[in-house]
Amino acid sequence: MDAGERTRLEAAGFKVGTVAEFLGLTQAESELIEIKLSLTDAPKDRRRSSAMTQGQIAEQIGSSQSRVAKMEAGDPHVSLDLIIRALLALGMTRCELSKVICGH
């Protein structure tokens, strides 16, 4: 949001803040959400560039195709463990993984 829009909203009586402020998240909770969001985009991109199907990835990580689909859709019930296992199965290195987490 640009400064002009913020000023206009505040002048109209609205309080402008962050999602973390609205939800009352701690810095650690906010960082965890950002990390998970960064990680959820990577499996689909990596899988497509590897020309693999969701079923093939599921087989490699001992999961189901529907779980991989949920992972790629950003379902909040998919664990970070499963996402990281999928990325490693897709050939991502720890160094590459750290860059995804850092947002590079």
PDB file of N, CA and C in Angstrom:
ATOM      1  N   MET A   1       0.848  -1.161   0.000  1.00  0.00           N
ATOM      2  CA  MET A   1       0.000   0.000   0.000  1.00  0.00           C
ATOM      3  C   MET A   1       0.900   1.232   0.000  1.00  0.00           C
ATOM      4  N   ASP A   2       0.556   2.186  -0.838  1.00  0.00           N
ATOM      5  CA  ASP A   2       1.379   3.388  -0.892  1.00  0.00           C
ATOM      6  C   ASP A   2       0.978   4.354   0.220  1.00  0.00           C
ATOM      7  N   ALA A   3       1.816   5.359   0.451  1.00  0.00           N
ATOM      8  CA  ALA A   3       1.616   6.298   1.558  1.00  0.00           C
ATOM      9  C   ALA A   3       0.317   7.081   1.411  1.00  0.00           C
ATOM     10  N   GLY A   4      -0.037   7.453   0.190  1.00  0.00           N
ATOM     11  CA  GLY A   4      -1.262   8.200  -0.037  1.00  0.00           C
ATOM     12  C   GLY A   4      -2.501   7.418   0.347  1.00  0.00           C
ATOM     13  N   GLU A   5      -2.525   6.155  -0.035  1.00  0.00           N
ATOM     14  CA  GLU A   5      -3.659   5.284   0.304  1.00  0.00           C
ATOM     15  C   GLU A   5      -3.756   5.094   1.812  1.00  0.00           C
ATOM     16  N   ARG A   6      -2.613   4.914   2.443  1.00  0.00           N
ATOM     17  CA  ARG A   6      -2.589   4.732   3.906  1.00  0.00           C
ATOM     18  C   ARG A   6      -3.137   5.979   4.595  1.00  0.00           C
ATOM     19  N   THR A   7      -2.682   7.150   4.150  1.00  0.00           N
ATOM     20  CA  THR A   7      -3.138   8.417   4.735  1.00  0.00           C
ATOM     21  C   THR A   7      -4.643   8.587   4.555  1.00  0.00           C
ATOM     22  N   ARG A   8      -5.138   8.269   3.365  1.00  0.00           N
ATOM     23  CA  ARG A   8      -6.563   8.383   3.073  1.00  0.00           C
ATOM     24  C   ARG A   8      -7.387   7.474   3.988  1.00  0.00           C
ATOM     25  N   LEU A   9      -6.934   6.221   4.155  1.00  0.00           N
ATOM     26  CA  LEU A   9      -7.657   5.277   5.010  1.00  0.00           C
ATOM     27  C   LEU A   9      -7.635   5.714   6.474  1.00  0.00           C
ATOM     28  N   GLU A  10      -6.483   6.165   6.946  1.00  0.00           N
ATOM     29  CA  GLU A  10      -6.386   6.613   8.334  1.00  0.00           C
ATOM     30  C   GLU A  10      -7.255   7.842   8.575  1.00  0.00           C
ATOM     31  N   ALA A  11      -7.307   8.753   7.588  1.00  0.00           N
ATOM     32  CA  ALA A  11      -8.149   9.947   7.707  1.00  0.00           C
ATOM     33  C   ALA A  11      -9.629   9.571   7.766  1.00  0.00           C
ATOM     34  N   ALA A  12      -9.983   8.455   7.129  1.00  0.00           N
ATOM     35  CA  ALA A  12     -11.374   7.991   7.146  1.00  0.00           C
ATOM     36  C   ALA A  12     -11.697   7.203   8.416  1.00  0.00           C
ATOM     37  N   GLY A  13     -10.705   7.072   9.310  1.00  0.00           N
ATOM     38  CA  GLY A  13     -10.952   6.401  10.586  1.00  0.00           C
ATOM     39  C   GLY A  13     -10.527   4.949  10.652  1.00  0.00           C
ATOM     40  N   PHE A  14      -9.919   4.448   9.573  1.00  0.00           N
ATOM     41  CA  PHE A  14      -9.467   3.060   9.575  1.00  0.00           C
ATOM     42  C   PHE A  14      -8.106   2.954  10.236  1.00  0.00           C
ATOM     43  N   LYS A  15      -7.877   1.843  10.880  1.00  0.00           N
ATOM     44  CA  LYS A  15      -6.565   1.553  11.436  1.00  0.00           C
ATOM     45  C   LYS A  15      -5.827   0.684  10.430  1.00  0.00           C
ATOM     46  N   VAL A  16      -4.635   1.091  10.076  1.00  0.00           N
ATOM     47  CA  VAL A  16      -3.847   0.357   9.092  1.00  0.00           C
ATOM     48  C   VAL A  16      -2.706  -0.330   9.828  1.00  0.00           C
ATOM     49  N   GLY A  17      -2.557  -1.622   9.573  1.00  0.00           N
ATOM     50  CA  GLY A  17      -1.490  -2.382  10.216  1.00  0.00           C
ATOM     51  C   GLY A  17      -1.147  -3.608   9.415  1.00  0.00           C
ATOM     52  N   THR A  18      -0.398  -4.481  10.018  1.00  0.00           N
ATOM     53  CA  THR A  18       0.022  -5.705   9.354  1.00  0.00           C
ATOM     54  C   THR A  18      -0.896  -6.857   9.736  1.00  0.00           C
ATOM     55  N   VAL A  19      -0.793  -7.926   8.993  1.00  0.00           N
ATOM     56  CA  VAL A  19      -1.549  -9.137   9.310  1.00  0.00           C
ATOM     57  C   VAL A  19      -1.120  -9.661  10.674  1.00  0.00           C
ATOM     58  N   ALA A  20       0.184  -9.617  10.941  1.00  0.00           N
ATOM     59  CA  ALA A  20       0.708 -10.096  12.222  1.00  0.00           C
ATOM     60  C   ALA A  20       0.110  -9.305  13.384  1.00  0.00           C
ATOM     61  N   GLU A  21      -0.010  -7.991  13.218  1.00  0.00           N
ATOM     62  CA  GLU A  21      -0.610  -7.168  14.274  1.00  0.00           C
ATOM     63  C   GLU A  21      -2.090  -7.519  14.456  1.00  0.00           C
ATOM     64  N   PHE A  22      -2.790  -7.675  13.350  1.00  0.00           N
ATOM     65  CA  PHE A  22      -4.217  -7.991  13.392  1.00  0.00           C
ATOM     66  C   PHE A  22      -4.469  -9.325  14.092  1.00  0.00           C
ATOM     67  N   LEU A  23      -3.644 -10.319  13.776  1.00  0.00           N
ATOM     68  CA  LEU A  23      -3.828 -11.655  14.351  1.00  0.00           C
ATOM     69  C   LEU A  23      -3.123 -11.831  15.690  1.00  0.00           C
ATOM     70  N   GLY A  24      -2.339 -10.853  16.079  1.00  0.00           N
ATOM     71  CA  GLY A  24      -1.612 -10.949  17.342  1.00  0.00           C
ATOM     72  C   GLY A  24      -0.503 -11.981  17.304  1.00  0.00           C
ATOM     73  N   LEU A  25       0.166 -12.091  16.167  1.00  0.00           N
ATOM     74  CA  LEU A  25       1.237 -13.079  16.023  1.00  0.00           C
ATOM     75  C   LEU A  25       2.542 -12.573  16.622  1.00  0.00           C
ATOM     76  N   THR A  26       3.283 -13.494  17.177  1.00  0.00           N
ATOM     77  CA  THR A  26       4.628 -13.150  17.625  1.00  0.00           C
ATOM     78  C   THR A  26       5.541 -13.096  16.400  1.00  0.00           C
ATOM     79  N   GLN A  27       6.730 -12.568  16.587  1.00  0.00           N
ATOM     80  CA  GLN A  27       7.701 -12.518  15.490  1.00  0.00           C
ATOM     81  C   GLN A  27       8.026 -13.933  15.001  1.00  0.00           C
ATOM     82  N   ALA A  28       8.156 -14.877  15.928  1.00  0.00           N
ATOM     83  CA  ALA A  28       8.466 -16.262  15.559  1.00  0.00           C
ATOM     84  C   ALA A  28       7.325 -16.885  14.752  1.00  0.00           C
ATOM     85  N   GLU A  29       6.086 -16.635  15.152  1.00  0.00           N
ATOM     86  CA  GLU A  29       4.938 -17.173  14.418  1.00  0.00           C
ATOM     87  C   GLU A  29       4.861 -16.576  13.017  1.00  0.00           C
ATOM     88  N   SER A  30       5.125 -15.310  12.929  1.00  0.00           N
ATOM     89  CA  SER A  30       5.107 -14.630  11.633  1.00  0.00           C
ATOM     90  C   SER A  30       6.195 -15.180  10.713  1.00  0.00           C
ATOM     91  N   GLU A  31       7.386 -15.386  11.255  1.00  0.00           N
ATOM     92  CA  GLU A  31       8.497 -15.939  10.472  1.00  0.00           C
ATOM     93  C   GLU A  31       8.184 -17.358   9.994  1.00  0.00           C
ATOM     94  N   LEU A  32       7.582 -18.170  10.854  1.00  0.00           N
ATOM     95  CA  LEU A  32       7.223 -19.536  10.474  1.00  0.00           C
ATOM     96  C   LEU A  32       6.247 -19.532   9.304  1.00  0.00           C
ATOM     97  N   ILE A  33       5.279 -18.643   9.337  1.00  0.00           N
ATOM     98  CA  ILE A  33       4.315 -18.538   8.233  1.00  0.00           C
ATOM     99  C   ILE A  33       5.031 -18.144   6.947  1.00  0.00           C
ATOM    100  N   GLU A  34       5.933 -17.177   7.032  1.00  0.00           N
ATOM    101  CA  GLU A  34       6.682 -16.741   5.843  1.00  0.00           C
ATOM    102  C   GLU A  34       7.531 -17.876   5.275  1.00  0.00           C
ATOM    103  N   ILE A  35       8.158 -18.660   6.143  1.00  0.00           N
ATOM    104  CA  ILE A  35       8.978 -19.792   5.691  1.00  0.00           C
ATOM    105  C   ILE A  35       8.100 -20.823   4.987  1.00  0.00           C
ATOM    106  N   LYS A  36       6.974 -21.140   5.593  1.00  0.00           N
ATOM    107  CA  LYS A  36       6.095 -22.148   4.989  1.00  0.00           C
ATOM    108  C   LYS A  36       5.559 -21.662   3.648  1.00  0.00           C
ATOM    109  N   LEU A  37       5.212 -20.384   3.537  1.00  0.00           N
ATOM    110  CA  LEU A  37       4.758 -19.847   2.259  1.00  0.00           C
ATOM    111  C   LEU A  37       5.849 -19.939   1.197  1.00  0.00           C
ATOM    112  N   SER A  38       7.080 -19.648   1.579  1.00  0.00           N
ATOM    113  CA  SER A  38       8.199 -19.763   0.639  1.00  0.00           C
ATOM    114  C   SER A  38       8.380 -21.200   0.179  1.00  0.00           C
ATOM    115  N   LEU A  39       8.233 -22.120   1.110  1.00  0.00           N
ATOM    116  CA  LEU A  39       8.447 -23.530   0.792  1.00  0.00           C
ATOM    117  C   LEU A  39       7.313 -24.151  -0.017  1.00  0.00           C
ATOM    118  N   THR A  40       6.095 -23.650   0.096  1.00  0.00           N
ATOM    119  CA  THR A  40       4.988 -24.298  -0.598  1.00  0.00           C
ATOM    120  C   THR A  40       4.998 -24.064  -2.102  1.00  0.00           C
ATOM    121  N   ASP A  41       5.619 -22.998  -2.553  1.00  0.00           N
ATOM    122  CA  ASP A  41       5.697 -22.750  -4.000  1.00  0.00           C
ATOM    123  C   ASP A  41       6.761 -23.612  -4.679  1.00  0.00           C
ATOM    124  N   ALA A  42       7.783 -23.959  -3.947  1.00  0.00           N
ATOM    125  CA  ALA A  42       8.939 -24.641  -4.535  1.00  0.00           C
ATOM    126  C   ALA A  42       8.657 -26.047  -5.072  1.00  0.00           C
ATOM    127  N   PRO A  43       7.892 -26.912  -4.396  1.00  0.00           N
ATOM    128  CA  PRO A  43       7.705 -28.271  -4.921  1.00  0.00           C
ATOM    129  C   PRO A  43       7.053 -28.316  -6.303  1.00  0.00           C
ATOM    130  N   LYS A  44       6.027 -27.520  -6.514  1.00  0.00           N
ATOM    131  CA  LYS A  44       5.349 -27.530  -7.811  1.00  0.00           C
ATOM    132  C   LYS A  44       6.289 -27.056  -8.914  1.00  0.00           C
ATOM    133  N   ASP A  45       7.007 -25.958  -8.652  1.00  0.00           N
ATOM    134  CA  ASP A  45       7.951 -25.438  -9.644  1.00  0.00           C
ATOM    135  C   ASP A  45       9.034 -26.469  -9.959  1.00  0.00           C
ATOM    136  N   ARG A  46       9.572 -27.060  -8.920  1.00  0.00           N
ATOM    137  CA  ARG A  46      10.650 -28.039  -9.092  1.00  0.00           C
ATOM    138  C   ARG A  46      10.140 -29.300  -9.802  1.00  0.00           C
ATOM    139  N   ARG A  47       8.941 -29.758  -9.431  1.00  0.00           N
ATOM    140  CA  ARG A  47       8.369 -30.964 -10.046  1.00  0.00           C
ATOM    141  C   ARG A  47       8.121 -30.739 -11.531  1.00  0.00           C
ATOM    142  N   ARG A  48       7.559 -29.607 -11.859  1.00  0.00           N
ATOM    143  CA  ARG A  48       7.283 -29.327 -13.272  1.00  0.00           C
ATOM    144  C   ARG A  48       8.561 -29.227 -14.089  1.00  0.00           C
ATOM    145  N   SER A  49       9.584 -28.605 -13.535  1.00  0.00           N
ATOM    146  CA  SER A  49      10.844 -28.499 -14.280  1.00  0.00           C
ATOM    147  C   SER A  49      11.535 -29.853 -14.400  1.00  0.00           C
ATOM    148  N   SER A  50      11.212 -30.774 -13.500  1.00  0.00           N
ATOM    149  CA  SER A  50      11.763 -32.127 -13.558  1.00  0.00           C
ATOM    150  C   SER A  50      10.898 -33.060 -14.394  1.00  0.00           C
ATOM    151  N   ALA A  51       9.775 -32.552 -14.917  1.00  0.00           N
ATOM    152  CA  ALA A  51       8.827 -33.332 -15.734  1.00  0.00           C
ATOM    153  C   ALA A  51       8.342 -34.586 -14.995  1.00  0.00           C
ATOM    154  N   MET A  52       8.047 -34.425 -13.703  1.00  0.00           N
ATOM    155  CA  MET A  52       7.534 -35.529 -12.898  1.00  0.00           C
ATOM    156  C   MET A  52       6.070 -35.261 -12.571  1.00  0.00           C
ATOM    157  N   THR A  53       5.342 -36.323 -12.309  1.00  0.00           N
ATOM    158  CA  THR A  53       3.941 -36.195 -11.916  1.00  0.00           C
ATOM    159  C   THR A  53       3.841 -36.154 -10.395  1.00  0.00           C
ATOM    160  N   GLN A  54       2.690 -35.725  -9.920  1.00  0.00           N
ATOM    161  CA  GLN A  54       2.457 -35.747  -8.480  1.00  0.00           C
ATOM    162  C   GLN A  54       2.533 -37.171  -7.948  1.00  0.00           C
ATOM    163  N   GLY A  55       2.038 -38.114  -8.721  1.00  0.00           N
ATOM    164  CA  GLY A  55       2.077 -39.519  -8.314  1.00  0.00           C
ATOM    165  C   GLY A  55       3.503 -40.035  -8.161  1.00  0.00           C
ATOM    166  N   GLN A  56       4.379 -39.625  -9.059  1.00  0.00           N
ATOM    167  CA  GLN A  56       5.777 -40.062  -8.967  1.00  0.00           C
ATOM    168  C   GLN A  56       6.444 -39.507  -7.712  1.00  0.00           C
ATOM    169  N   ILE A  57       6.172 -38.249  -7.420  1.00  0.00           N
ATOM    170  CA  ILE A  57       6.747 -37.652  -6.208  1.00  0.00           C
ATOM    171  C   ILE A  57       6.175 -38.340  -4.974  1.00  0.00           C
ATOM    172  N   ALA A  58       4.877 -38.582  -4.978  1.00  0.00           N
ATOM    173  CA  ALA A  58       4.232 -39.243  -3.846  1.00  0.00           C
ATOM    174  C   ALA A  58       4.876 -40.597  -3.574  1.00  0.00           C
ATOM    175  N   GLU A  59       5.139 -41.341  -4.627  1.00  0.00           N
ATOM    176  CA  GLU A  59       5.764 -42.654  -4.472  1.00  0.00           C
ATOM    177  C   GLU A  59       7.156 -42.525  -3.859  1.00  0.00           C
ATOM    178  N   GLN A  60       7.906 -41.534  -4.295  1.00  0.00           N
ATOM    179  CA  GLN A  60       9.267 -41.342  -3.778  1.00  0.00           C
ATOM    180  C   GLN A  60       9.296 -40.967  -2.298  1.00  0.00           C
ATOM    181  N   ILE A  61       8.284 -40.246  -1.850  1.00  0.00           N
ATOM    182  CA  ILE A  61       8.295 -39.799  -0.456  1.00  0.00           C
ATOM    183  C   ILE A  61       7.381 -40.618   0.448  1.00  0.00           C
ATOM    184  N   GLY A  62       6.778 -41.655  -0.125  1.00  0.00           N
ATOM    185  CA  GLY A  62       5.921 -42.532   0.674  1.00  0.00           C
ATOM    186  C   GLY A  62       4.622 -41.866   1.100  1.00  0.00           C
ATOM    187  N   SER A  63       4.043 -41.121   0.190  1.00  0.00           N
ATOM    188  CA  SER A  63       2.792 -40.430   0.479  1.00  0.00           C
ATOM    189  C   SER A  63       1.808 -40.713  -0.646  1.00  0.00           C
ATOM    190  N   SER A  64       0.725 -39.954  -0.688  1.00  0.00           N
ATOM    191  CA  SER A  64      -0.276 -40.139  -1.735  1.00  0.00           C
ATOM    192  C   SER A  64      -0.248 -38.963  -2.706  1.00  0.00           C
ATOM    193  N   GLN A  65      -0.792 -39.189  -3.891  1.00  0.00           N
ATOM    194  CA  GLN A  65      -0.863 -38.124  -4.890  1.00  0.00           C
ATOM    195  C   GLN A  65      -1.719 -36.972  -4.373  1.00  0.00           C
ATOM    196  N   SER A  66      -2.805 -37.296  -3.668  1.00  0.00           N
ATOM    197  CA  SER A  66      -3.678 -36.234  -3.160  1.00  0.00           C
ATOM    198  C   SER A  66      -2.962 -35.370  -2.116  1.00  0.00           C
ATOM    199  N   ARG A  67      -2.079 -36.002  -1.360  1.00  0.00           N
ATOM    200  CA  ARG A  67      -1.301 -35.245  -0.356  1.00  0.00           C
ATOM    201  C   ARG A  67      -0.327 -34.302  -1.053  1.00  0.00           C
ATOM    202  N   VAL A  68       0.283 -34.773  -2.136  1.00  0.00           N
ATOM    203  CA  VAL A  68       1.192 -33.921  -2.907  1.00  0.00           C
ATOM    204  C   VAL A  68       0.415 -32.755  -3.506  1.00  0.00           C
ATOM    205  N   ALA A  69      -0.799 -33.023  -3.995  1.00  0.00           N
ATOM    206  CA  ALA A  69      -1.638 -31.955  -4.547  1.00  0.00           C
ATOM    207  C   ALA A  69      -1.962 -30.923  -3.463  1.00  0.00           C
ATOM    208  N   LYS A  70      -2.269 -31.398  -2.264  1.00  0.00           N
ATOM    209  CA  LYS A  70      -2.545 -30.490  -1.154  1.00  0.00           C
ATOM    210  C   LYS A  70      -1.304 -29.675  -0.799  1.00  0.00           C
ATOM    211  N   MET A  71      -0.161 -30.328  -0.832  1.00  0.00           N
ATOM    212  CA  MET A  71       1.091 -29.648  -0.538  1.00  0.00           C
ATOM    213  C   MET A  71       1.317 -28.517  -1.542  1.00  0.00           C
ATOM    214  N   GLU A  72       1.118 -28.821  -2.823  1.00  0.00           N
ATOM    215  CA  GLU A  72       1.333 -27.820  -3.865  1.00  0.00           C
ATOM    216  C   GLU A  72       0.304 -26.694  -3.797  1.00  0.00           C
ATOM    217  N   ALA A  73      -0.853 -26.968  -3.232  1.00  0.00           N
ATOM    218  CA  ALA A  73      -1.904 -25.955  -3.099  1.00  0.00           C
ATOM    219  C   ALA A  73      -1.731 -25.104  -1.839  1.00  0.00           C
ATOM    220  N   GLY A  74      -0.752 -25.471  -1.005  1.00  0.00           N
ATOM    221  CA  GLY A  74      -0.504 -24.705   0.211  1.00  0.00           C
ATOM    222  C   GLY A  74      -1.424 -25.039   1.362  1.00  0.00           C
ATOM    223  N   ASP A  75      -1.979 -26.250   1.368  1.00  0.00           N
ATOM    224  CA  ASP A  75      -2.856 -26.671   2.455  1.00  0.00           C
ATOM    225  C   ASP A  75      -2.102 -26.558   3.789  1.00  0.00           C
ATOM    226  N   PRO A  76      -2.686 -25.871   4.770  1.00  0.00           N
ATOM    227  CA  PRO A  76      -1.993 -25.672   6.042  1.00  0.00           C
ATOM    228  C   PRO A  76      -1.804 -26.949   6.856  1.00  0.00           C
ATOM    229  N   HIS A  77      -2.492 -28.029   6.488  1.00  0.00           N
ATOM    230  CA  HIS A  77      -2.355 -29.280   7.232  1.00  0.00           C
ATOM    231  C   HIS A  77      -1.191 -30.134   6.752  1.00  0.00           C
ATOM    232  N   VAL A  78      -0.519 -29.705   5.693  1.00  0.00           N
ATOM    233  CA  VAL A  78       0.646 -30.440   5.196  1.00  0.00           C
ATOM    234  C   VAL A  78       1.856 -30.010   6.020  1.00  0.00           C
ATOM    235  N   SER A  79       2.582 -30.975   6.533  1.00  0.00           N
ATOM    236  CA  SER A  79       3.703 -30.666   7.421  1.00  0.00           C
ATOM    237  C   SER A  79       4.913 -30.131   6.654  1.00  0.00           C
ATOM    238  N   LEU A  80       5.717 -29.351   7.372  1.00  0.00           N
ATOM    239  CA  LEU A  80       6.980 -28.878   6.794  1.00  0.00           C
ATOM    240  C   LEU A  80       7.877 -30.064   6.463  1.00  0.00           C
ATOM    241  N   ASP A  81       7.794 -31.101   7.273  1.00  0.00           N
ATOM    242  CA  ASP A  81       8.584 -32.306   7.037  1.00  0.00           C
ATOM    243  C   ASP A  81       8.283 -32.892   5.653  1.00  0.00           C
ATOM    244  N   LEU A  82       7.017 -32.998   5.316  1.00  0.00           N
ATOM    245  CA  LEU A  82       6.636 -33.557   4.011  1.00  0.00           C
ATOM    246  C   LEU A  82       7.098 -32.658   2.870  1.00  0.00           C
ATOM    247  N   ILE A  83       6.951 -31.362   3.040  1.00  0.00           N
ATOM    248  CA  ILE A  83       7.388 -30.428   2.002  1.00  0.00           C
ATOM    249  C   ILE A  83       8.883 -30.555   1.767  1.00  0.00           C
ATOM    250  N   ILE A  84       9.643 -30.602   2.835  1.00  0.00           N
ATOM    251  CA  ILE A  84      11.100 -30.702   2.708  1.00  0.00           C
ATOM    252  C   ILE A  84      11.501 -32.050   2.125  1.00  0.00           C
ATOM    253  N   ARG A  85      10.834 -33.133   2.538  1.00  0.00           N
ATOM    254  CA  ARG A  85      11.133 -34.447   1.947  1.00  0.00           C
ATOM    255  C   ARG A  85      10.861 -34.444   0.450  1.00  0.00           C
ATOM    256  N   ALA A  86       9.780 -33.793   0.033  1.00  0.00           N
ATOM    257  CA  ALA A  86       9.461 -33.718  -1.399  1.00  0.00           C
ATOM    258  C   ALA A  86      10.534 -32.925  -2.142  1.00  0.00           C
ATOM    259  N   LEU A  87      10.956 -31.824  -1.579  1.00  0.00           N
ATOM    260  CA  LEU A  87      11.986 -31.016  -2.236  1.00  0.00           C
ATOM    261  C   LEU A  87      13.306 -31.781  -2.362  1.00  0.00           C
ATOM    262  N   LEU A  88      13.663 -32.492  -1.326  1.00  0.00           N
ATOM    263  CA  LEU A  88      14.892 -33.296  -1.384  1.00  0.00           C
ATOM    264  C   LEU A  88      14.751 -34.427  -2.406  1.00  0.00           C
ATOM    265  N   ALA A  89      13.569 -35.041  -2.476  1.00  0.00           N
ATOM    266  CA  ALA A  89      13.315 -36.100  -3.462  1.00  0.00           C
ATOM    267  C   ALA A  89      13.379 -35.547  -4.884  1.00  0.00           C
ATOM    268  N   LEU A  90      13.066 -34.265  -5.033  1.00  0.00           N
ATOM    269  CA  LEU A  90      13.128 -33.615  -6.340  1.00  0.00           C
ATOM    270  C   LEU A  90      14.542 -33.137  -6.680  1.00  0.00           C
ATOM    271  N   GLY A  91      15.487 -33.473  -5.817  1.00  0.00           N
ATOM    272  CA  GLY A  91      16.882 -33.163  -6.104  1.00  0.00           C
ATOM    273  C   GLY A  91      17.378 -31.843  -5.556  1.00  0.00           C
ATOM    274  N   MET A  92      16.582 -31.182  -4.751  1.00  0.00           N
ATOM    275  CA  MET A  92      17.021 -29.911  -4.184  1.00  0.00           C
ATOM    276  C   MET A  92      18.089 -30.174  -3.131  1.00  0.00           C
ATOM    277  N   THR A  93      19.131 -29.376  -3.152  1.00  0.00           N
ATOM    278  CA  THR A  93      20.194 -29.504  -2.160  1.00  0.00           C
ATOM    279  C   THR A  93      19.846 -28.691  -0.918  1.00  0.00           C
ATOM    280  N   ARG A  94      20.576 -28.937   0.157  1.00  0.00           N
ATOM    281  CA  ARG A  94      20.355 -28.164   1.381  1.00  0.00           C
ATOM    282  C   ARG A  94      20.644 -26.689   1.150  1.00  0.00           C
ATOM    283  N   CYS A  95      21.636 -26.405   0.332  1.00  0.00           N
ATOM    284  CA  CYS A  95      21.977 -25.022   0.016  1.00  0.00           C
ATOM    285  C   CYS A  95      20.830 -24.345  -0.728  1.00  0.00           C
ATOM    286  N   GLU A  96      20.269 -25.038  -1.715  1.00  0.00           N
ATOM    287  CA  GLU A  96      19.132 -24.500  -2.469  1.00  0.00           C
ATOM    288  C   GLU A  96      17.921 -24.317  -1.552  1.00  0.00           C
ATOM    289  N   LEU A  97      17.722 -25.281  -0.668  1.00  0.00           N
ATOM    290  CA  LEU A  97      16.629 -25.214   0.283  1.00  0.00           C
ATOM    291  C   LEU A  97      16.766 -23.991   1.186  1.00  0.00           C
ATOM    292  N   SER A  98      17.974 -23.715   1.620  1.00  0.00           N
ATOM    293  CA  SER A  98      18.196 -22.548   2.489  1.00  0.00           C
ATOM    294  C   SER A  98      17.901 -21.250   1.735  1.00  0.00           C
ATOM    295  N   LYS A  99      18.181 -21.217   0.446  1.00  0.00           N
ATOM    296  CA  LYS A  99      17.874 -20.026  -0.346  1.00  0.00           C
ATOM    297  C   LYS A  99      16.370 -19.825  -0.476  1.00  0.00           C
ATOM    298  N   VAL A 100      15.630 -20.929  -0.624  1.00  0.00           N
ATOM    299  CA  VAL A 100      14.156 -20.829  -0.684  1.00  0.00           C
ATOM    300  C   VAL A 100      13.633 -20.285   0.643  1.00  0.00           C
ATOM    301  N   ILE A 101      14.150 -20.803   1.748  1.00  0.00           N
ATOM    302  CA  ILE A 101      13.708 -20.357   3.071  1.00  0.00           C
ATOM    303  C   ILE A 101      14.025 -18.878   3.282  1.00  0.00           C
ATOM    304  N   CYS A 102      15.190 -18.457   2.821  1.00  0.00           N
ATOM    305  CA  CYS A 102      15.603 -17.059   2.986  1.00  0.00           C
ATOM    306  C   CYS A 102      14.935 -16.118   1.987  1.00  0.00           C
ATOM    307  N   GLY A 103      14.267 -16.672   0.999  1.00  0.00           N
ATOM    308  CA  GLY A 103      13.589 -15.841   0.015  1.00  0.00           C
ATOM    309  C   GLY A 103      14.483 -15.304  -1.084  1.00  0.00           C
ATOM    310  N   HIS A 104      15.574 -15.974  -1.355  1.00  0.00           N
ATOM    311  CA  HIS A 104      16.486 -15.532  -2.426  1.00  0.00           C
ATOM    312  C   HIS A 104      16.138 -16.164  -3.732  1.00  0.00           C
TER     313      HIS A 104
END
